Amino acid sequence: MKLMSFNTQHCLNFLEQNVDYDIMAKTINDVKADIVGLNEMFDEGEGALFGSQTKKLSELTGLEHFYFAKAIIDTHGPYGNGFLSRYPIKKAETITIPDPNPREYDGFYETRCLLKAELENGITVLVTHFGLNPDEQKNAVKAVLEHIKSKKCILMGDFNIQPNNEILDPIREKMKDAAMGFCESKMSWPSDKPRIKIDYIFVSHDLEVITSDIPAIVASDHRPHIAEINI
């Protein structure tokens, strides 16, 4: 099974700065991904400017099973995480990550969510996008830990945390980081000249990571993180 975690920045072509579904779909198709976790996606609904971006990518990639998880209502419509799958989805839900109260930092805050999809083949997939502040990130980790399965579980997304941050330690105790298979250090943001790694794929210990990579693809502002696993 080939996995991809991809923050699309609402399908914005990083170099041309226009919404470009074709380049996002090409990125997914070129690696022949079977399941894709998407961050920063818009959906149809009140005030929607773009319609369902997850559905559009589903149509362009042939990954016919999809789900959108709303985190907030932005000025351009519902906004959150998306999921594409070659395999049928048995059940999917959106879990809101609690906002810190009170806020401990002066930075930008935004309500986040966790997308949870249970596939008919027994795999559970979690897709998330952590906030920018440590108190948000700690709440996100707590939410993730409540939904991690000990077997056949995949977690992916933009965590806005670099690998040496101890906030990730509780997740690493329960799951394997696919980046352990890198033959050299790989960065994911910004895509043209990446200097930090903030995108992740974790899998439960029963799943074998065959290969993993962050290919030098400039489509969105993030490079995609990919991995191939044996289930």
C-alpha atoms as a PDB file:
ATOM      1  CA  MET A   1       0.000   0.000   0.000  1.00  0.00           C
ATOM      2  CA  LYS A   2       1.408   3.380  -1.015  1.00  0.00           C
ATOM      3  CA  LEU A   3       0.736   6.291   1.315  1.00  0.00           C
ATOM      4  CA  MET A   4       0.981  10.043   0.817  1.00  0.00           C
ATOM      5  CA  SER A   5       0.674  12.945   3.233  1.00  0.00           C
ATOM      6  CA  PHE A   6       0.216  16.181   1.304  1.00  0.00           C
ATOM      7  CA  ASN A   7      -0.511  19.714   2.498  1.00  0.00           C
ATOM      8  CA  THR A   8      -1.883  21.262  -0.700  1.00  0.00           C
ATOM      9  CA  GLN A   9      -2.404  24.829   0.598  1.00  0.00           C
ATOM     10  CA  HIS A  10      -5.947  24.613  -0.890  1.00  0.00           C
ATOM     11  CA  CYS A  11      -4.468  23.282  -4.153  1.00  0.00           C
ATOM     12  CA  LEU A  12      -2.460  26.452  -4.728  1.00  0.00           C
ATOM     13  CA  ASN A  13       0.327  26.077  -7.297  1.00  0.00           C
ATOM     14  CA  PHE A  14       3.333  27.303  -5.323  1.00  0.00           C
ATOM     15  CA  LEU A  15       5.210  28.764  -8.284  1.00  0.00           C
ATOM     16  CA  GLU A  16       2.314  30.244 -10.238  1.00  0.00           C
ATOM     17  CA  GLN A  17       0.136  31.146  -7.219  1.00  0.00           C
ATOM     18  CA  ASN A  18      -3.140  29.975  -8.730  1.00  0.00           C
ATOM     19  CA  VAL A  19      -5.461  27.119  -7.780  1.00  0.00           C
ATOM     20  CA  ASP A  20      -4.262  24.207  -9.887  1.00  0.00           C
ATOM     21  CA  TYR A  21      -5.978  20.847  -9.447  1.00  0.00           C
ATOM     22  CA  ASP A  22      -4.052  19.260 -12.305  1.00  0.00           C
ATOM     23  CA  ILE A  23      -0.630  19.695 -10.694  1.00  0.00           C
ATOM     24  CA  MET A  24      -1.915  18.343  -7.364  1.00  0.00           C
ATOM     25  CA  ALA A  25      -3.495  15.339  -9.071  1.00  0.00           C
ATOM     26  CA  LYS A  26      -0.320  14.740 -11.090  1.00  0.00           C
ATOM     27  CA  THR A  27       1.711  14.721  -7.859  1.00  0.00           C
ATOM     28  CA  ILE A  28      -0.577  12.035  -6.452  1.00  0.00           C
ATOM     29  CA  ASN A  29      -0.734  10.007  -9.660  1.00  0.00           C
ATOM     30  CA  ASP A  30       3.010  10.083 -10.299  1.00  0.00           C
ATOM     31  CA  VAL A  31       3.718   8.153  -7.089  1.00  0.00           C
ATOM     32  CA  LYS A  32       0.681   5.871  -7.595  1.00  0.00           C
ATOM     33  CA  ALA A  33      -0.611   6.586  -4.095  1.00  0.00           C
ATOM     34  CA  ASP A  34      -3.325   4.275  -2.741  1.00  0.00           C
ATOM     35  CA  ILE A  35      -4.362   6.506   0.159  1.00  0.00           C
ATOM     36  CA  VAL A  36      -3.717  10.221   0.573  1.00  0.00           C
ATOM     37  CA  GLY A  37      -4.076  12.487   3.588  1.00  0.00           C
ATOM     38  CA  LEU A  38      -4.696  16.085   2.522  1.00  0.00           C
ATOM     39  CA  ASN A  39      -4.281  19.261   4.568  1.00  0.00           C
ATOM     40  CA  GLU A  40      -5.622  22.772   3.975  1.00  0.00           C
ATOM     41  CA  MET A  41      -8.564  21.790   1.781  1.00  0.00           C
ATOM     42  CA  PHE A  42     -11.782  23.682   1.078  1.00  0.00           C
ATOM     43  CA  ASP A  43     -15.180  22.071   0.686  1.00  0.00           C
ATOM     44  CA  GLU A  44     -18.601  22.986  -0.627  1.00  0.00           C
ATOM     45  CA  GLY A  45     -21.076  24.781   1.614  1.00  0.00           C
ATOM     46  CA  GLU A  46     -21.985  28.229   2.841  1.00  0.00           C
ATOM     47  CA  GLY A  47     -19.680  30.879   1.388  1.00  0.00           C
ATOM     48  CA  ALA A  48     -17.756  28.282  -0.629  1.00  0.00           C
ATOM     49  CA  LEU A  49     -15.504  29.755  -3.303  1.00  0.00           C
ATOM     50  CA  PHE A  50     -13.887  26.561  -4.589  1.00  0.00           C
ATOM     51  CA  GLY A  51     -16.437  23.803  -4.016  1.00  0.00           C
ATOM     52  CA  SER A  52     -15.314  20.363  -2.845  1.00  0.00           C
ATOM     53  CA  GLN A  53     -11.587  20.232  -3.537  1.00  0.00           C
ATOM     54  CA  THR A  54     -11.331  16.707  -2.127  1.00  0.00           C
ATOM     55  CA  LYS A  55     -13.982  15.508  -4.578  1.00  0.00           C
ATOM     56  CA  LYS A  56     -12.210  17.218  -7.483  1.00  0.00           C
ATOM     57  CA  LEU A  57      -8.928  15.485  -6.656  1.00  0.00           C
ATOM     58  CA  SER A  58     -10.791  12.190  -6.269  1.00  0.00           C
ATOM     59  CA  GLU A  59     -12.124  12.552  -9.800  1.00  0.00           C
ATOM     60  CA  LEU A  60      -8.729  13.487 -11.253  1.00  0.00           C
ATOM     61  CA  THR A  61      -6.794  10.707  -9.515  1.00  0.00           C
ATOM     62  CA  GLY A  62      -9.273   7.844  -9.746  1.00  0.00           C
ATOM     63  CA  LEU A  63      -9.148   7.435  -5.959  1.00  0.00           C
ATOM     64  CA  GLU A  64     -12.909   7.180  -5.862  1.00  0.00           C
ATOM     65  CA  HIS A  65     -13.437   6.938  -2.108  1.00  0.00           C
ATOM     66  CA  PHE A  66     -13.041  10.255  -0.286  1.00  0.00           C
ATOM     67  CA  TYR A  67     -13.983  12.165   2.832  1.00  0.00           C
ATOM     68  CA  PHE A  68     -13.662  15.776   3.994  1.00  0.00           C
ATOM     69  CA  ALA A  69     -13.270  16.767   7.655  1.00  0.00           C
ATOM     70  CA  LYS A  70     -14.204  20.362   8.493  1.00  0.00           C
ATOM     71  CA  ALA A  71     -12.115  22.180  11.064  1.00  0.00           C
ATOM     72  CA  ILE A  72     -13.452  25.725  10.559  1.00  0.00           C
ATOM     73  CA  ILE A  73     -15.648  27.864   8.315  1.00  0.00           C
ATOM     74  CA  ASP A  74     -13.228  30.157   6.521  1.00  0.00           C
ATOM     75  CA  THR A  75     -14.195  33.233   4.502  1.00  0.00           C
ATOM     76  CA  HIS A  76     -14.103  30.951   1.433  1.00  0.00           C
ATOM     77  CA  GLY A  77     -16.119  28.119   2.953  1.00  0.00           C
ATOM     78  CA  PRO A  78     -15.576  24.946   5.050  1.00  0.00           C
ATOM     79  CA  TYR A  79     -11.854  24.299   5.561  1.00  0.00           C
ATOM     80  CA  GLY A  80      -9.957  21.340   6.952  1.00  0.00           C
ATOM     81  CA  ASN A  81      -8.495  17.948   6.040  1.00  0.00           C
ATOM     82  CA  GLY A  82      -9.288  15.582   3.195  1.00  0.00           C
ATOM     83  CA  PHE A  83      -8.795  11.891   2.500  1.00  0.00           C
ATOM     84  CA  LEU A  84      -8.578   9.928  -0.750  1.00  0.00           C
ATOM     85  CA  SER A  85      -8.590   6.135  -0.914  1.00  0.00           C
ATOM     86  CA  ARG A  86      -8.403   3.378  -3.476  1.00  0.00           C
ATOM     87  CA  TYR A  87     -10.142   1.180  -0.912  1.00  0.00           C
ATOM     88  CA  PRO A  88     -13.772   1.509   0.239  1.00  0.00           C
ATOM     89  CA  ILE A  89     -14.372   3.503   3.416  1.00  0.00           C
ATOM     90  CA  LYS A  90     -16.401   1.603   6.000  1.00  0.00           C
ATOM     91  CA  LYS A  91     -16.811   4.571   8.349  1.00  0.00           C
ATOM     92  CA  ALA A  92     -15.431   8.115   8.567  1.00  0.00           C
ATOM     93  CA  GLU A  93     -15.774  10.856  11.151  1.00  0.00           C
ATOM     94  CA  THR A  94     -14.464  14.284  12.088  1.00  0.00           C
ATOM     95  CA  ILE A  95     -13.053  14.799  15.583  1.00  0.00           C
ATOM     96  CA  THR A  96     -12.582  18.392  16.709  1.00  0.00           C
ATOM     97  CA  ILE A  97      -9.328  19.035  18.573  1.00  0.00           C
ATOM     98  CA  PRO A  98     -10.121  21.170  21.655  1.00  0.00           C
ATOM     99  CA  ASP A  99      -8.809  24.727  21.585  1.00  0.00           C
ATOM    100  CA  PRO A 100      -6.498  25.689  24.474  1.00  0.00           C
ATOM    101  CA  ASN A 101      -8.336  27.598  27.184  1.00  0.00           C
ATOM    102  CA  PRO A 102      -6.771  29.871  28.199  1.00  0.00           C
ATOM    103  CA  ARG A 103      -4.304  30.434  25.387  1.00  0.00           C
ATOM    104  CA  GLU A 104      -0.703  30.357  26.588  1.00  0.00           C
ATOM    105  CA  TYR A 105       0.949  32.157  23.658  1.00  0.00           C
ATOM    106  CA  ASP A 106       0.542  35.303  21.563  1.00  0.00           C
ATOM    107  CA  GLY A 107       0.704  33.503  18.204  1.00  0.00           C
ATOM    108  CA  PHE A 108      -1.988  32.741  15.623  1.00  0.00           C
ATOM    109  CA  TYR A 109      -4.603  30.227  16.790  1.00  0.00           C
ATOM    110  CA  GLU A 110      -7.015  28.201  14.663  1.00  0.00           C
ATOM    111  CA  THR A 111      -9.354  25.330  15.536  1.00  0.00           C
ATOM    112  CA  ARG A 112      -8.029  22.034  14.146  1.00  0.00           C
ATOM    113  CA  CYS A 113      -9.497  18.586  13.615  1.00  0.00           C
ATOM    114  CA  LEU A 114      -8.645  14.910  13.257  1.00  0.00           C
ATOM    115  CA  LEU A 115     -10.047  12.950  10.319  1.00  0.00           C
ATOM    116  CA  LYS A 116     -10.623   9.288  11.117  1.00  0.00           C
ATOM    117  CA  ALA A 117     -11.402   6.782   8.369  1.00  0.00           C
ATOM    118  CA  GLU A 118     -11.907   3.069   8.859  1.00  0.00           C
ATOM    119  CA  LEU A 119     -11.416   1.136   5.630  1.00  0.00           C
ATOM    120  CA  GLU A 120     -13.134  -2.097   4.694  1.00  0.00           C
ATOM    121  CA  ASN A 121      -9.741  -3.821   4.554  1.00  0.00           C
ATOM    122  CA  GLY A 122      -9.307  -3.241   8.306  1.00  0.00           C
ATOM    123  CA  ILE A 123      -6.942  -0.254   8.124  1.00  0.00           C
ATOM    124  CA  THR A 124      -7.650   2.813  10.265  1.00  0.00           C
ATOM    125  CA  VAL A 125      -6.303   6.095   8.863  1.00  0.00           C
ATOM    126  CA  LEU A 126      -5.922   9.296  10.870  1.00  0.00           C
ATOM    127  CA  VAL A 127      -5.246  12.591   9.075  1.00  0.00           C
ATOM    128  CA  THR A 128      -4.546  15.793  10.969  1.00  0.00           C
ATOM    129  CA  HIS A 129      -3.024  19.261  10.828  1.00  0.00           C
ATOM    130  CA  PHE A 130      -1.624  20.540  14.119  1.00  0.00           C
ATOM    131  CA  GLY A 131      -1.748  24.169  15.225  1.00  0.00           C
ATOM    132  CA  LEU A 132       1.259  26.476  15.407  1.00  0.00           C
ATOM    133  CA  ASN A 133       1.486  26.898  19.178  1.00  0.00           C
ATOM    134  CA  PRO A 134       2.756  24.299  21.677  1.00  0.00           C
ATOM    135  CA  ASP A 135      -0.489  24.279  23.698  1.00  0.00           C
ATOM    136  CA  GLU A 136      -2.455  23.548  20.513  1.00  0.00           C
ATOM    137  CA  GLN A 137       0.019  20.826  19.579  1.00  0.00           C
ATOM    138  CA  LYS A 138      -0.235  19.156  22.991  1.00  0.00           C
ATOM    139  CA  ASN A 139      -4.035  19.084  22.647  1.00  0.00           C
ATOM    140  CA  ALA A 140      -3.654  17.584  19.189  1.00  0.00           C
ATOM    141  CA  VAL A 141      -1.334  14.852  20.438  1.00  0.00           C
ATOM    142  CA  LYS A 142      -3.813  14.011  23.201  1.00  0.00           C
ATOM    143  CA  ALA A 143      -6.637  13.733  20.664  1.00  0.00           C
ATOM    144  CA  VAL A 144      -4.533  11.552  18.380  1.00  0.00           C
ATOM    145  CA  LEU A 145      -3.565   9.200  21.210  1.00  0.00           C
ATOM    146  CA  GLU A 146      -7.241   8.612  21.988  1.00  0.00           C
ATOM    147  CA  HIS A 147      -7.835   7.276  18.463  1.00  0.00           C
ATOM    148  CA  ILE A 148      -4.633   5.400  17.608  1.00  0.00           C
ATOM    149  CA  LYS A 149      -5.199   1.674  17.090  1.00  0.00           C
ATOM    150  CA  SER A 150      -2.533  -0.814  18.148  1.00  0.00           C
ATOM    151  CA  LYS A 151      -2.785  -2.658  14.813  1.00  0.00           C
ATOM    152  CA  LYS A 152      -3.366  -1.658  11.176  1.00  0.00           C
ATOM    153  CA  CYS A 153      -3.256   2.061  11.902  1.00  0.00           C
ATOM    154  CA  ILE A 154      -1.786   4.952   9.906  1.00  0.00           C
ATOM    155  CA  LEU A 155      -1.355   8.554  11.083  1.00  0.00           C
ATOM    156  CA  MET A 156      -0.316  11.315   8.709  1.00  0.00           C
ATOM    157  CA  GLY A 157      -0.341  15.067   8.270  1.00  0.00           C
ATOM    158  CA  ASP A 158       1.326  18.428   8.748  1.00  0.00           C
ATOM    159  CA  PHE A 159       2.226  18.559  12.428  1.00  0.00           C
ATOM    160  CA  ASN A 160       3.956  21.965  12.388  1.00  0.00           C
ATOM    161  CA  ILE A 161       6.591  20.353  14.639  1.00  0.00           C
ATOM    162  CA  GLN A 162      10.177  19.460  13.793  1.00  0.00           C
ATOM    163  CA  PRO A 163      11.378  15.900  14.486  1.00  0.00           C
ATOM    164  CA  ASN A 164      13.477  16.683  17.578  1.00  0.00           C
ATOM    165  CA  ASN A 165      10.505  18.151  19.475  1.00  0.00           C
ATOM    166  CA  GLU A 166       9.582  16.130  22.561  1.00  0.00           C
ATOM    167  CA  ILE A 167       5.882  16.878  21.997  1.00  0.00           C
ATOM    168  CA  LEU A 168       5.962  14.004  19.495  1.00  0.00           C
ATOM    169  CA  ASP A 169       7.374  11.503  21.997  1.00  0.00           C
ATOM    170  CA  PRO A 170       3.995  10.017  23.082  1.00  0.00           C
ATOM    171  CA  ILE A 171       3.145   9.259  19.449  1.00  0.00           C
ATOM    172  CA  ARG A 172       6.564   7.724  18.802  1.00  0.00           C
ATOM    173  CA  GLU A 173       6.043   5.422  21.782  1.00  0.00           C
ATOM    174  CA  LYS A 174       2.964   3.938  20.094  1.00  0.00           C
ATOM    175  CA  MET A 175       3.858   4.115  16.389  1.00  0.00           C
ATOM    176  CA  LYS A 176       6.762   3.888  13.957  1.00  0.00           C
ATOM    177  CA  ASP A 177       7.919   7.010  12.135  1.00  0.00           C
ATOM    178  CA  ALA A 178       8.195   6.187   8.416  1.00  0.00           C
ATOM    179  CA  ALA A 179      11.050   8.696   8.195  1.00  0.00           C
ATOM    180  CA  MET A 180      13.237   6.172  10.017  1.00  0.00           C
ATOM    181  CA  GLY A 181      13.651   4.625   6.570  1.00  0.00           C
ATOM    182  CA  PHE A 182      15.221   7.728   5.051  1.00  0.00           C
ATOM    183  CA  CYS A 183      18.772   7.164   3.848  1.00  0.00           C
ATOM    184  CA  GLU A 184      19.476  10.855   4.490  1.00  0.00           C
ATOM    185  CA  SER A 185      17.791  13.803   6.164  1.00  0.00           C
ATOM    186  CA  LYS A 186      14.707  14.990   4.240  1.00  0.00           C
ATOM    187  CA  MET A 187      12.955  18.352   4.585  1.00  0.00           C
ATOM    188  CA  SER A 188       9.385  19.156   3.522  1.00  0.00           C
ATOM    189  CA  TRP A 189       8.862  22.949   3.720  1.00  0.00           C
ATOM    190  CA  PRO A 190       9.024  25.210   1.780  1.00  0.00           C
ATOM    191  CA  SER A 191       8.911  23.042  -1.305  1.00  0.00           C
ATOM    192  CA  ASP A 192      11.330  25.003  -3.496  1.00  0.00           C
ATOM    193  CA  LYS A 193      14.147  25.187  -0.932  1.00  0.00           C
ATOM    194  CA  PRO A 194      13.040  23.128   2.061  1.00  0.00           C
ATOM    195  CA  ARG A 195      14.730  23.838   5.374  1.00  0.00           C
ATOM    196  CA  ILE A 196      12.490  22.071   7.919  1.00  0.00           C
ATOM    197  CA  LYS A 197      10.533  18.806   8.180  1.00  0.00           C
ATOM    198  CA  ILE A 198       7.023  19.228   9.576  1.00  0.00           C
ATOM    199  CA  ASP A 199       5.113  16.550   7.607  1.00  0.00           C
ATOM    200  CA  TYR A 200       4.840  12.992   8.908  1.00  0.00           C
ATOM    201  CA  ILE A 201       3.638   9.461   8.315  1.00  0.00           C
ATOM    202  CA  PHE A 202       3.406   7.138  11.324  1.00  0.00           C
ATOM    203  CA  VAL A 203       2.273   3.497  11.250  1.00  0.00           C
ATOM    204  CA  SER A 204       1.429   0.965  13.927  1.00  0.00           C
ATOM    205  CA  HIS A 205       4.184  -1.491  14.836  1.00  0.00           C
ATOM    206  CA  ASP A 206       2.602  -4.417  12.989  1.00  0.00           C
ATOM    207  CA  LEU A 207       2.962  -2.642   9.625  1.00  0.00           C
ATOM    208  CA  GLU A 208       6.250  -2.897   7.753  1.00  0.00           C
ATOM    209  CA  VAL A 209       7.653   0.262   6.159  1.00  0.00           C
ATOM    210  CA  ILE A 210       9.245  -0.847   2.877  1.00  0.00           C
ATOM    211  CA  THR A 211      10.280   2.558   1.520  1.00  0.00           C
ATOM    212  CA  SER A 212       9.743   6.192   2.470  1.00  0.00           C
ATOM    213  CA  ASP A 213      10.670   9.507   0.921  1.00  0.00           C
ATOM    214  CA  ILE A 214       9.989  13.220   0.591  1.00  0.00           C
ATOM    215  CA  PRO A 215      10.503  13.652  -3.162  1.00  0.00           C
ATOM    216  CA  ALA A 216      11.716  16.948  -4.609  1.00  0.00           C
ATOM    217  CA  ILE A 217       8.325  17.943  -6.006  1.00  0.00           C
ATOM    218  CA  VAL A 218       7.302  21.595  -6.157  1.00  0.00           C
ATOM    219  CA  ALA A 219       3.518  21.672  -6.491  1.00  0.00           C
ATOM    220  CA  SER A 220       2.168  23.037  -3.214  1.00  0.00           C
ATOM    221  CA  ASP A 221       4.226  24.968  -0.663  1.00  0.00           C
ATOM    222  CA  HIS A 222       4.885  21.601   1.047  1.00  0.00           C
ATOM    223  CA  ARG A 223       6.639  18.657  -0.527  1.00  0.00           C
ATOM    224  CA  PRO A 224       4.614  15.445  -0.232  1.00  0.00           C
ATOM    225  CA  HIS A 225       5.702  12.746   2.213  1.00  0.00           C
ATOM    226  CA  ILE A 226       5.282   9.241   0.801  1.00  0.00           C
ATOM    227  CA  ALA A 227       5.784   5.708   2.082  1.00  0.00           C
ATOM    228  CA  GLU A 228       5.130   2.159   0.947  1.00  0.00           C
ATOM    229  CA  ILE A 229       4.019  -0.326   3.587  1.00  0.00           C
ATOM    230  CA  ASN A 230       3.347  -4.045   3.774  1.00  0.00           C
ATOM    231  CA  ILE A 231       0.076  -4.893   5.492  1.00  0.00           C
END
